[in-house]
């Protein structure tokens, strides 16, 4: 999964998308991949 260039993390509101996206982004960054994490949700919680 983290070898891809673009990942969308989605689902119903309140299920934990931001937490999941943040954890994945941090995993990739810790593995040495330069990562950009972008929130498109108007109710930002990043």
ModelCIF file with pLDDT and N, C-alpha, C, O atoms, coordinates in Angstrom:
data_MODEL
#
_entry.id   MODEL 
#
_entity.id                         1 
_entity.type                       polymer 
_entity.pdbx_number_of_molecules   1 
#
_entity_poly.entity_id                      1 
_entity_poly.type                           'polypeptide(L)' 
_entity_poly.nstd_linkage                   no 
_entity_poly.nstd_monomer                   no 
_entity_poly.pdbx_seq_one_letter_code       
;(UNK)(UNK)(UNK)(UNK)(UNK)(UNK)(UNK)(UNK)(UNK)(UNK)(UNK)(UNK)(UNK)(UNK)(UNK)(UNK)
(UNK)(UNK)(UNK)(UNK)(UNK)(UNK)(UNK)(UNK)(UNK)(UNK)(UNK)(UNK)(UNK)(UNK)(UNK)(UNK)
(UNK)(UNK)(UNK)(UNK)(UNK)(UNK)(UNK)(UNK)(UNK)(UNK)(UNK)(UNK)(UNK)(UNK)
;
_entity_poly.pdbx_seq_one_letter_code_can   XXXXXXXXXXXXXXXXXXXXXXXXXXXXXXXXXXXXXXXXXXXXXX 
_entity_poly.pdbx_strand_id                 A 
#
loop_
_entity_poly_seq.entity_id 
_entity_poly_seq.num 
_entity_poly_seq.mon_id 
_entity_poly_seq.hetero 
1 1  UNK n 
1 2  UNK n 
1 3  UNK n 
1 4  UNK n 
1 5  UNK n 
1 6  UNK n 
1 7  UNK n 
1 8  UNK n 
1 9  UNK n 
1 10 UNK n 
1 11 UNK n 
1 12 UNK n 
1 13 UNK n 
1 14 UNK n 
1 15 UNK n 
1 16 UNK n 
1 17 UNK n 
1 18 UNK n 
1 19 UNK n 
1 20 UNK n 
1 21 UNK n 
1 22 UNK n 
1 23 UNK n 
1 24 UNK n 
1 25 UNK n 
1 26 UNK n 
1 27 UNK n 
1 28 UNK n 
1 29 UNK n 
1 30 UNK n 
1 31 UNK n 
1 32 UNK n 
1 33 UNK n 
1 34 UNK n 
1 35 UNK n 
1 36 UNK n 
1 37 UNK n 
1 38 UNK n 
1 39 UNK n 
1 40 UNK n 
1 41 UNK n 
1 42 UNK n 
1 43 UNK n 
1 44 UNK n 
1 45 UNK n 
1 46 UNK n 
#
_struct_asym.id          A 
_struct_asym.entity_id   1 
#
loop_
_ma_qa_metric.id 
_ma_qa_metric.mode 
_ma_qa_metric.name 
_ma_qa_metric.software_group_id 
_ma_qa_metric.type 
1 global pLDDT . pLDDT 
2 local  pLDDT . pLDDT 
#
_ma_qa_metric_global.metric_id      1 
_ma_qa_metric_global.metric_value   91.26 
_ma_qa_metric_global.model_id       1 
_ma_qa_metric_global.ordinal_id     1 
#
loop_
_ma_qa_metric_local.label_asym_id 
_ma_qa_metric_local.label_comp_id 
_ma_qa_metric_local.label_seq_id 
_ma_qa_metric_local.metric_id 
_ma_qa_metric_local.metric_value 
_ma_qa_metric_local.model_id 
_ma_qa_metric_local.ordinal_id 
A UNK 1  2 83.00 1 1  
A UNK 2  2 84.00 1 2  
A UNK 3  2 87.00 1 3  
A UNK 4  2 92.00 1 4  
A UNK 5  2 94.00 1 5  
A UNK 6  2 94.00 1 6  
A UNK 7  2 95.00 1 7  
A UNK 8  2 94.00 1 8  
A UNK 9  2 95.00 1 9  
A UNK 10 2 91.00 1 10 
A UNK 11 2 91.00 1 11 
A UNK 12 2 90.00 1 12 
A UNK 13 2 88.00 1 13 
A UNK 14 2 89.00 1 14 
A UNK 15 2 93.00 1 15 
A UNK 16 2 93.00 1 16 
A UNK 17 2 93.00 1 17 
A UNK 18 2 93.00 1 18 
A UNK 19 2 94.00 1 19 
A UNK 20 2 95.00 1 20 
A UNK 21 2 95.00 1 21 
A UNK 22 2 95.00 1 22 
A UNK 23 2 95.00 1 23 
A UNK 24 2 95.00 1 24 
A UNK 25 2 96.00 1 25 
A UNK 26 2 95.00 1 26 
A UNK 27 2 93.00 1 27 
A UNK 28 2 94.00 1 28 
A UNK 29 2 95.00 1 29 
A UNK 30 2 94.00 1 30 
A UNK 31 2 92.00 1 31 
A UNK 32 2 94.00 1 32 
A UNK 33 2 95.00 1 33 
A UNK 34 2 96.00 1 34 
A UNK 35 2 97.00 1 35 
A UNK 36 2 97.00 1 36 
A UNK 37 2 97.00 1 37 
A UNK 38 2 95.00 1 38 
A UNK 39 2 93.00 1 39 
A UNK 40 2 87.00 1 40 
A UNK 41 2 79.00 1 41 
A UNK 42 2 74.00 1 42 
A UNK 43 2 74.00 1 43 
A UNK 44 2 77.00 1 44 
A UNK 45 2 86.00 1 45 
A UNK 46 2 90.00 1 46 
#
loop_
_atom_site.group_PDB 
_atom_site.id 
_atom_site.type_symbol 
_atom_site.label_atom_id 
_atom_site.label_alt_id 
_atom_site.label_comp_id 
_atom_site.label_asym_id 
_atom_site.label_entity_id 
_atom_site.label_seq_id 
_atom_site.pdbx_PDB_ins_code 
_atom_site.Cartn_x 
_atom_site.Cartn_y 
_atom_site.Cartn_z 
_atom_site.occupancy 
_atom_site.B_iso_or_equiv 
_atom_site.pdbx_formal_charge 
_atom_site.auth_seq_id 
_atom_site.auth_comp_id 
_atom_site.auth_asym_id 
_atom_site.auth_atom_id 
_atom_site.pdbx_PDB_model_num 
ATOM 1   N N  . UNK A 1 1  ? 0.820   -1.207 0.000  1.00 83.00 ? 1  UNK A N  1 
ATOM 2   C CA . UNK A 1 1  ? 0.000   0.000  0.000  1.00 83.00 ? 1  UNK A CA 1 
ATOM 3   C C  . UNK A 1 1  ? 0.855   1.260  0.000  1.00 83.00 ? 1  UNK A C  1 
ATOM 4   O O  . UNK A 1 1  ? 0.625   2.167  -0.799 1.00 83.00 ? 1  UNK A O  1 
ATOM 5   N N  . UNK A 1 2  ? 1.828   1.320  0.880  1.00 84.00 ? 2  UNK A N  1 
ATOM 6   C CA . UNK A 1 2  ? 2.628   2.537  1.024  1.00 84.00 ? 2  UNK A CA 1 
ATOM 7   C C  . UNK A 1 2  ? 3.645   2.711  -0.098 1.00 84.00 ? 2  UNK A C  1 
ATOM 8   O O  . UNK A 1 2  ? 4.337   3.728  -0.148 1.00 84.00 ? 2  UNK A O  1 
ATOM 9   N N  . UNK A 1 3  ? 3.747   1.735  -0.998 1.00 87.00 ? 3  UNK A N  1 
ATOM 10  C CA . UNK A 1 3  ? 4.619   1.899  -2.158 1.00 87.00 ? 3  UNK A CA 1 
ATOM 11  C C  . UNK A 1 3  ? 3.945   2.675  -3.281 1.00 87.00 ? 3  UNK A C  1 
ATOM 12  O O  . UNK A 1 3  ? 4.600   3.086  -4.239 1.00 87.00 ? 3  UNK A O  1 
ATOM 13  N N  . UNK A 1 4  ? 2.648   2.872  -3.162 1.00 92.00 ? 4  UNK A N  1 
ATOM 14  C CA . UNK A 1 4  ? 1.938   3.648  -4.173 1.00 92.00 ? 4  UNK A CA 1 
ATOM 15  C C  . UNK A 1 4  ? 2.247   5.134  -4.005 1.00 92.00 ? 4  UNK A C  1 
ATOM 16  O O  . UNK A 1 4  ? 2.852   5.548  -3.016 1.00 92.00 ? 4  UNK A O  1 
ATOM 17  N N  . UNK A 1 5  ? 1.821   5.926  -4.988 1.00 94.00 ? 5  UNK A N  1 
ATOM 18  C CA . UNK A 1 5  ? 2.101   7.364  -4.951 1.00 94.00 ? 5  UNK A CA 1 
ATOM 19  C C  . UNK A 1 5  ? 0.958   8.164  -4.356 1.00 94.00 ? 5  UNK A C  1 
ATOM 20  O O  . UNK A 1 5  ? 1.176   9.233  -3.787 1.00 94.00 ? 5  UNK A O  1 
ATOM 21  N N  . UNK A 1 6  ? -0.286  7.643  -4.487 1.00 94.00 ? 6  UNK A N  1 
ATOM 22  C CA . UNK A 1 6  ? -1.461  8.381  -4.011 1.00 94.00 ? 6  UNK A CA 1 
ATOM 23  C C  . UNK A 1 6  ? -2.377  7.422  -3.259 1.00 94.00 ? 6  UNK A C  1 
ATOM 24  O O  . UNK A 1 6  ? -2.692  6.338  -3.751 1.00 94.00 ? 6  UNK A O  1 
ATOM 25  N N  . UNK A 1 7  ? -2.800  7.825  -2.066 1.00 95.00 ? 7  UNK A N  1 
ATOM 26  C CA . UNK A 1 7  ? -3.733  7.034  -1.270 1.00 95.00 ? 7  UNK A CA 1 
ATOM 27  C C  . UNK A 1 7  ? -4.882  7.936  -0.823 1.00 95.00 ? 7  UNK A C  1 
ATOM 28  O O  . UNK A 1 7  ? -4.663  9.014  -0.271 1.00 95.00 ? 7  UNK A O  1 
ATOM 29  N N  . UNK A 1 8  ? -6.102  7.480  -1.070 1.00 94.00 ? 8  UNK A N  1 
ATOM 30  C CA . UNK A 1 8  ? -7.289  8.141  -0.538 1.00 94.00 ? 8  UNK A CA 1 
ATOM 31  C C  . UNK A 1 8  ? -7.785  7.340  0.662  1.00 94.00 ? 8  UNK A C  1 
ATOM 32  O O  . UNK A 1 8  ? -7.943  6.122  0.572  1.00 94.00 ? 8  UNK A O  1 
ATOM 33  N N  . UNK A 1 9  ? -8.029  8.010  1.777  1.00 95.00 ? 9  UNK A N  1 
ATOM 34  C CA . UNK A 1 9  ? -8.602  7.371  2.955  1.00 95.00 ? 9  UNK A CA 1 
ATOM 35  C C  . UNK A 1 9  ? -10.003 7.937  3.137  1.00 95.00 ? 9  UNK A C  1 
ATOM 36  O O  . UNK A 1 9  ? -10.162 9.133  3.383  1.00 95.00 ? 9  UNK A O  1 
ATOM 37  N N  . UNK A 1 10 ? -11.028 7.080  3.017  1.00 91.00 ? 10 UNK A N  1 
ATOM 38  C CA . UNK A 1 10 ? -12.398 7.589  3.051  1.00 91.00 ? 10 UNK A CA 1 
ATOM 39  C C  . UNK A 1 10 ? -13.337 6.689  3.817  1.00 91.00 ? 10 UNK A C  1 
ATOM 40  O O  . UNK A 1 10 ? -12.984 5.575  4.204  1.00 91.00 ? 10 UNK A O  1 
ATOM 41  N N  . UNK A 1 11 ? -14.541 7.189  4.030  1.00 91.00 ? 11 UNK A N  1 
ATOM 42  C CA . UNK A 1 11 ? -15.565 6.454  4.756  1.00 91.00 ? 11 UNK A CA 1 
ATOM 43  C C  . UNK A 1 11 ? -16.575 7.408  5.349  1.00 91.00 ? 11 UNK A C  1 
ATOM 44  O O  . UNK A 1 11 ? -16.507 8.617  5.126  1.00 91.00 ? 11 UNK A O  1 
ATOM 45  N N  . UNK A 1 12 ? -17.498 6.873  6.091  1.00 90.00 ? 12 UNK A N  1 
ATOM 46  C CA . UNK A 1 12 ? -18.530 7.681  6.722  1.00 90.00 ? 12 UNK A CA 1 
ATOM 47  C C  . UNK A 1 12 ? -17.915 8.655  7.730  1.00 90.00 ? 12 UNK A C  1 
ATOM 48  O O  . UNK A 1 12 ? -16.874 8.368  8.320  1.00 90.00 ? 12 UNK A O  1 
ATOM 49  N N  . UNK A 1 13 ? -18.547 9.778  7.918  1.00 88.00 ? 13 UNK A N  1 
ATOM 50  C CA . UNK A 1 13 ? -18.049 10.740 8.889  1.00 88.00 ? 13 UNK A CA 1 
ATOM 51  C C  . UNK A 1 13 ? -17.961 10.143 10.288 1.00 88.00 ? 13 UNK A C  1 
ATOM 52  O O  . UNK A 1 13 ? -18.888 9.471  10.742 1.00 88.00 ? 13 UNK A O  1 
ATOM 53  N N  . UNK A 1 14 ? -16.852 10.387 10.967 1.00 89.00 ? 14 UNK A N  1 
ATOM 54  C CA . UNK A 1 14 ? -16.705 9.958  12.351 1.00 89.00 ? 14 UNK A CA 1 
ATOM 55  C C  . UNK A 1 14 ? -16.166 8.564  12.568 1.00 89.00 ? 14 UNK A C  1 
ATOM 56  O O  . UNK A 1 14 ? -16.121 8.102  13.709 1.00 89.00 ? 14 UNK A O  1 
ATOM 57  N N  . UNK A 1 15 ? -15.745 7.862  11.496 1.00 93.00 ? 15 UNK A N  1 
ATOM 58  C CA . UNK A 1 15 ? -15.262 6.485  11.674 1.00 93.00 ? 15 UNK A CA 1 
ATOM 59  C C  . UNK A 1 15 ? -13.766 6.426  11.992 1.00 93.00 ? 15 UNK A C  1 
ATOM 60  O O  . UNK A 1 15 ? -13.250 5.364  12.340 1.00 93.00 ? 15 UNK A O  1 
ATOM 61  N N  . UNK A 1 16 ? -13.065 7.563  11.875 1.00 93.00 ? 16 UNK A N  1 
ATOM 62  C CA . UNK A 1 16 ? -11.635 7.573  12.177 1.00 93.00 ? 16 UNK A CA 1 
ATOM 63  C C  . UNK A 1 16 ? -10.744 7.681  10.956 1.00 93.00 ? 16 UNK A C  1 
ATOM 64  O O  . UNK A 1 16 ? -9.634  7.148  10.950 1.00 93.00 ? 16 UNK A O  1 
ATOM 65  N N  . UNK A 1 17 ? -11.219 8.371  9.908  1.00 93.00 ? 17 UNK A N  1 
ATOM 66  C CA . UNK A 1 17 ? -10.418 8.509  8.678  1.00 93.00 ? 17 UNK A CA 1 
ATOM 67  C C  . UNK A 1 17 ? -9.141  9.292  8.937  1.00 93.00 ? 17 UNK A C  1 
ATOM 68  O O  . UNK A 1 17 ? -8.063  8.898  8.492  1.00 93.00 ? 17 UNK A O  1 
ATOM 69  N N  . UNK A 1 18 ? -9.266  10.409 9.662  1.00 93.00 ? 18 UNK A N  1 
ATOM 70  C CA . UNK A 1 18 ? -8.090  11.259 9.885  1.00 93.00 ? 18 UNK A CA 1 
ATOM 71  C C  . UNK A 1 18 ? -7.029  10.531 10.694 1.00 93.00 ? 18 UNK A C  1 
ATOM 72  O O  . UNK A 1 18 ? -5.838  10.635 10.400 1.00 93.00 ? 18 UNK A O  1 
ATOM 73  N N  . UNK A 1 19 ? -7.460  9.792  11.715 1.00 94.00 ? 19 UNK A N  1 
ATOM 74  C CA . UNK A 1 19 ? -6.523  9.006  12.523 1.00 94.00 ? 19 UNK A CA 1 
ATOM 75  C C  . UNK A 1 19 ? -5.798  7.976  11.664 1.00 94.00 ? 19 UNK A C  1 
ATOM 76  O O  . UNK A 1 19 ? -4.580  7.825  11.755 1.00 94.00 ? 19 UNK A O  1 
ATOM 77  N N  . UNK A 1 20 ? -6.559  7.271  10.830 1.00 95.00 ? 20 UNK A N  1 
ATOM 78  C CA . UNK A 1 20 ? -5.965  6.261  9.948  1.00 95.00 ? 20 UNK A CA 1 
ATOM 79  C C  . UNK A 1 20 ? -5.006  6.889  8.952  1.00 95.00 ? 20 UNK A C  1 
ATOM 80  O O  . UNK A 1 20 ? -3.896  6.395  8.755  1.00 95.00 ? 20 UNK A O  1 
ATOM 81  N N  . UNK A 1 21 ? -5.434  7.983  8.320  1.00 95.00 ? 21 UNK A N  1 
ATOM 82  C CA . UNK A 1 21 ? -4.572  8.662  7.352  1.00 95.00 ? 21 UNK A CA 1 
ATOM 83  C C  . UNK A 1 21 ? -3.293  9.163  8.023  1.00 95.00 ? 21 UNK A C  1 
ATOM 84  O O  . UNK A 1 21 ? -2.202  9.043  7.467  1.00 95.00 ? 21 UNK A O  1 
ATOM 85  N N  . UNK A 1 22 ? -3.440  9.720  9.215  1.00 95.00 ? 22 UNK A N  1 
ATOM 86  C CA . UNK A 1 22 ? -2.261  10.212 9.936  1.00 95.00 ? 22 UNK A CA 1 
ATOM 87  C C  . UNK A 1 22 ? -1.294  9.103  10.295 1.00 95.00 ? 22 UNK A C  1 
ATOM 88  O O  . UNK A 1 22 ? -0.081  9.267  10.172 1.00 95.00 ? 22 UNK A O  1 
ATOM 89  N N  . UNK A 1 23 ? -1.832  7.959  10.744 1.00 95.00 ? 23 UNK A N  1 
ATOM 90  C CA . UNK A 1 23 ? -0.971  6.827  11.107 1.00 95.00 ? 23 UNK A CA 1 
ATOM 91  C C  . UNK A 1 23 ? -0.241  6.282  9.884  1.00 95.00 ? 23 UNK A C  1 
ATOM 92  O O  . UNK A 1 23 ? 0.948   5.970  9.957  1.00 95.00 ? 23 UNK A O  1 
ATOM 93  N N  . UNK A 1 24 ? -0.952  6.165  8.757  1.00 95.00 ? 24 UNK A N  1 
ATOM 94  C CA . UNK A 1 24 ? -0.311  5.685  7.528  1.00 95.00 ? 24 UNK A CA 1 
ATOM 95  C C  . UNK A 1 24 ? 0.769   6.654  7.053  1.00 95.00 ? 24 UNK A C  1 
ATOM 96  O O  . UNK A 1 24 ? 1.856   6.237  6.652  1.00 95.00 ? 24 UNK A O  1 
ATOM 97  N N  . UNK A 1 25 ? 0.466   7.939  7.101  1.00 96.00 ? 25 UNK A N  1 
ATOM 98  C CA . UNK A 1 25 ? 1.433   8.949  6.658  1.00 96.00 ? 25 UNK A CA 1 
ATOM 99  C C  . UNK A 1 25 ? 2.684   8.912  7.526  1.00 96.00 ? 25 UNK A C  1 
ATOM 100 O O  . UNK A 1 25 ? 3.802   9.025  7.024  1.00 96.00 ? 25 UNK A O  1 
ATOM 101 N N  . UNK A 1 26 ? 2.489   8.755  8.817  1.00 95.00 ? 26 UNK A N  1 
ATOM 102 C CA . UNK A 1 26 ? 3.639   8.711  9.724  1.00 95.00 ? 26 UNK A CA 1 
ATOM 103 C C  . UNK A 1 26 ? 4.461   7.452  9.500  1.00 95.00 ? 26 UNK A C  1 
ATOM 104 O O  . UNK A 1 26 ? 5.689   7.494  9.567  1.00 95.00 ? 26 UNK A O  1 
ATOM 105 N N  . UNK A 1 27 ? 3.787   6.316  9.230  1.00 93.00 ? 27 UNK A N  1 
ATOM 106 C CA . UNK A 1 27 ? 4.506   5.080  8.907  1.00 93.00 ? 27 UNK A CA 1 
ATOM 107 C C  . UNK A 1 27 ? 5.396   5.271  7.686  1.00 93.00 ? 27 UNK A C  1 
ATOM 108 O O  . UNK A 1 27 ? 6.562   4.877  7.680  1.00 93.00 ? 27 UNK A O  1 
ATOM 109 N N  . UNK A 1 28 ? 4.819   5.890  6.644  1.00 94.00 ? 28 UNK A N  1 
ATOM 110 C CA . UNK A 1 28 ? 5.584   6.104  5.413  1.00 94.00 ? 28 UNK A CA 1 
ATOM 111 C C  . UNK A 1 28 ? 6.760   7.043  5.656  1.00 94.00 ? 28 UNK A C  1 
ATOM 112 O O  . UNK A 1 28 ? 7.868   6.807  5.174  1.00 94.00 ? 28 UNK A O  1 
ATOM 113 N N  . UNK A 1 29 ? 6.504   8.106  6.408  1.00 95.00 ? 29 UNK A N  1 
ATOM 114 C CA . UNK A 1 29 ? 7.569   9.076  6.683  1.00 95.00 ? 29 UNK A CA 1 
ATOM 115 C C  . UNK A 1 29 ? 8.686   8.444  7.504  1.00 95.00 ? 29 UNK A C  1 
ATOM 116 O O  . UNK A 1 29 ? 9.864   8.673  7.230  1.00 95.00 ? 29 UNK A O  1 
ATOM 117 N N  . UNK A 1 30 ? 8.326   7.654  8.503  1.00 94.00 ? 30 UNK A N  1 
ATOM 118 C CA . UNK A 1 30 ? 9.345   6.980  9.325  1.00 94.00 ? 30 UNK A CA 1 
ATOM 119 C C  . UNK A 1 30 ? 10.158  5.991  8.511  1.00 94.00 ? 30 UNK A C  1 
ATOM 120 O O  . UNK A 1 30 ? 11.305  5.693  8.843  1.00 94.00 ? 30 UNK A O  1 
ATOM 121 N N  . UNK A 1 31 ? 9.543   5.474  7.419  1.00 92.00 ? 31 UNK A N  1 
ATOM 122 C CA . UNK A 1 31 ? 10.260  4.542  6.544  1.00 92.00 ? 31 UNK A CA 1 
ATOM 123 C C  . UNK A 1 31 ? 11.123  5.268  5.520  1.00 92.00 ? 31 UNK A C  1 
ATOM 124 O O  . UNK A 1 31 ? 11.765  4.632  4.685  1.00 92.00 ? 31 UNK A O  1 
ATOM 125 N N  . UNK A 1 32 ? 11.140  6.601  5.580  1.00 94.00 ? 32 UNK A N  1 
ATOM 126 C CA . UNK A 1 32 ? 12.002  7.376  4.701  1.00 94.00 ? 32 UNK A CA 1 
ATOM 127 C C  . UNK A 1 32 ? 11.342  7.939  3.469  1.00 94.00 ? 32 UNK A C  1 
ATOM 128 O O  . UNK A 1 32 ? 12.021  8.510  2.616  1.00 94.00 ? 32 UNK A O  1 
ATOM 129 N N  . UNK A 1 33 ? 10.027  7.794  3.349  1.00 95.00 ? 33 UNK A N  1 
ATOM 130 C CA . UNK A 1 33 ? 9.313   8.328  2.177  1.00 95.00 ? 33 UNK A CA 1 
ATOM 131 C C  . UNK A 1 33 ? 8.838   9.745  2.460  1.00 95.00 ? 33 UNK A C  1 
ATOM 132 O O  . UNK A 1 33 ? 8.154   9.994  3.452  1.00 95.00 ? 33 UNK A O  1 
ATOM 133 N N  . UNK A 1 34 ? 9.204   10.665 1.586  1.00 96.00 ? 34 UNK A N  1 
ATOM 134 C CA . UNK A 1 34 ? 8.724   12.041 1.712  1.00 96.00 ? 34 UNK A CA 1 
ATOM 135 C C  . UNK A 1 34 ? 7.224   12.045 1.445  1.00 96.00 ? 34 UNK A C  1 
ATOM 136 O O  . UNK A 1 34 ? 6.789   11.720 0.340  1.00 96.00 ? 34 UNK A O  1 
ATOM 137 N N  . UNK A 1 35 ? 6.434   12.409 2.446  1.00 97.00 ? 35 UNK A N  1 
ATOM 138 C CA . UNK A 1 35 ? 4.980   12.233 2.387  1.00 97.00 ? 35 UNK A CA 1 
ATOM 139 C C  . UNK A 1 35 ? 4.258   13.554 2.607  1.00 97.00 ? 35 UNK A C  1 
ATOM 140 O O  . UNK A 1 35 ? 4.611   14.341 3.486  1.00 97.00 ? 35 UNK A O  1 
ATOM 141 N N  . UNK A 1 36 ? 3.238   13.776 1.785  1.00 97.00 ? 36 UNK A N  1 
ATOM 142 C CA . UNK A 1 36 ? 2.350   14.933 1.947  1.00 97.00 ? 36 UNK A CA 1 
ATOM 143 C C  . UNK A 1 36 ? 0.977   14.418 2.337  1.00 97.00 ? 36 UNK A C  1 
ATOM 144 O O  . UNK A 1 36 ? 0.369   13.644 1.597  1.00 97.00 ? 36 UNK A O  1 
ATOM 145 N N  . UNK A 1 37 ? 0.482   14.840 3.496  1.00 97.00 ? 37 UNK A N  1 
ATOM 146 C CA . UNK A 1 37 ? -0.826  14.447 4.006  1.00 97.00 ? 37 UNK A CA 1 
ATOM 147 C C  . UNK A 1 37 ? -1.770  15.637 3.872  1.00 97.00 ? 37 UNK A C  1 
ATOM 148 O O  . UNK A 1 37 ? -1.524  16.695 4.450  1.00 97.00 ? 37 UNK A O  1 
ATOM 149 N N  . UNK A 1 38 ? -2.848  15.467 3.111  1.00 95.00 ? 38 UNK A N  1 
ATOM 150 C CA . UNK A 1 38 ? -3.758  16.569 2.796  1.00 95.00 ? 38 UNK A CA 1 
ATOM 151 C C  . UNK A 1 38 ? -5.163  16.245 3.275  1.00 95.00 ? 38 UNK A C  1 
ATOM 152 O O  . UNK A 1 38 ? -5.724  15.208 2.920  1.00 95.00 ? 38 UNK A O  1 
ATOM 153 N N  . UNK A 1 39 ? -5.728  17.134 4.081  1.00 93.00 ? 39 UNK A N  1 
ATOM 154 C CA . UNK A 1 39 ? -7.116  16.988 4.512  1.00 93.00 ? 39 UNK A CA 1 
ATOM 155 C C  . UNK A 1 39 ? -8.019  17.782 3.583  1.00 93.00 ? 39 UNK A C  1 
ATOM 156 O O  . UNK A 1 39 ? -7.798  18.971 3.353  1.00 93.00 ? 39 UNK A O  1 
ATOM 157 N N  . UNK A 1 40 ? -9.052  17.109 3.044  1.00 87.00 ? 40 UNK A N  1 
ATOM 158 C CA . UNK A 1 40 ? -10.032 17.785 2.189  1.00 87.00 ? 40 UNK A CA 1 
ATOM 159 C C  . UNK A 1 40 ? -11.388 17.898 2.876  1.00 87.00 ? 40 UNK A C  1 
ATOM 160 O O  . UNK A 1 40 ? -12.349 18.384 2.280  1.00 87.00 ? 40 UNK A O  1 
ATOM 161 N N  . UNK A 1 41 ? -11.468 17.454 4.119  1.00 79.00 ? 41 UNK A N  1 
ATOM 162 C CA . UNK A 1 41 ? -12.717 17.505 4.871  1.00 79.00 ? 41 UNK A CA 1 
ATOM 163 C C  . UNK A 1 41 ? -12.932 18.919 5.406  1.00 79.00 ? 41 UNK A C  1 
ATOM 164 O O  . UNK A 1 41 ? -12.057 19.441 6.097  1.00 79.00 ? 41 UNK A O  1 
ATOM 165 N N  . UNK A 1 42 ? -14.081 19.566 5.106  1.00 74.00 ? 42 UNK A N  1 
ATOM 166 C CA . UNK A 1 42 ? -14.319 20.913 5.630  1.00 74.00 ? 42 UNK A CA 1 
ATOM 167 C C  . UNK A 1 42 ? -14.219 20.981 7.152  1.00 74.00 ? 42 UNK A C  1 
ATOM 168 O O  . UNK A 1 42 ? -13.807 22.003 7.702  1.00 74.00 ? 42 UNK A O  1 
ATOM 169 N N  . UNK A 1 43 ? -14.595 19.894 7.837  1.00 74.00 ? 43 UNK A N  1 
ATOM 170 C CA . UNK A 1 43 ? -14.467 19.845 9.301  1.00 74.00 ? 43 UNK A CA 1 
ATOM 171 C C  . UNK A 1 43 ? -13.083 19.292 9.643  1.00 74.00 ? 43 UNK A C  1 
ATOM 172 O O  . UNK A 1 43 ? -12.949 18.162 10.111 1.00 74.00 ? 43 UNK A O  1 
ATOM 173 N N  . UNK A 1 44 ? -12.060 20.111 9.401  1.00 77.00 ? 44 UNK A N  1 
ATOM 174 C CA . UNK A 1 44 ? -10.677 19.647 9.546  1.00 77.00 ? 44 UNK A CA 1 
ATOM 175 C C  . UNK A 1 44 ? -10.365 19.229 10.990 1.00 77.00 ? 44 UNK A C  1 
ATOM 176 O O  . UNK A 1 44 ? -10.742 19.904 11.948 1.00 77.00 ? 44 UNK A O  1 
ATOM 177 N N  . UNK A 1 45 ? -9.667  18.096 11.110 1.00 86.00 ? 45 UNK A N  1 
ATOM 178 C CA . UNK A 1 45 ? -9.190  17.670 12.428 1.00 86.00 ? 45 UNK A CA 1 
ATOM 179 C C  . UNK A 1 45 ? -7.752  17.179 12.362 1.00 86.00 ? 45 UNK A C  1 
ATOM 180 O O  . UNK A 1 45 ? -7.244  16.586 13.314 1.00 86.00 ? 45 UNK A O  1 
ATOM 181 N N  . UNK A 1 46 ? -7.098  17.431 11.228 1.00 90.00 ? 46 UNK A N  1 
ATOM 182 C CA . UNK A 1 46 ? -5.716  16.980 11.058 1.00 90.00 ? 46 UNK A CA 1 
ATOM 183 C C  . UNK A 1 46 ? -4.810  17.609 12.114 1.00 90.00 ? 46 UNK A C  1 
ATOM 184 O O  . UNK A 1 46 ? -3.607  17.347 12.131 1.00 90.00 ? 46 UNK A O  1 
#
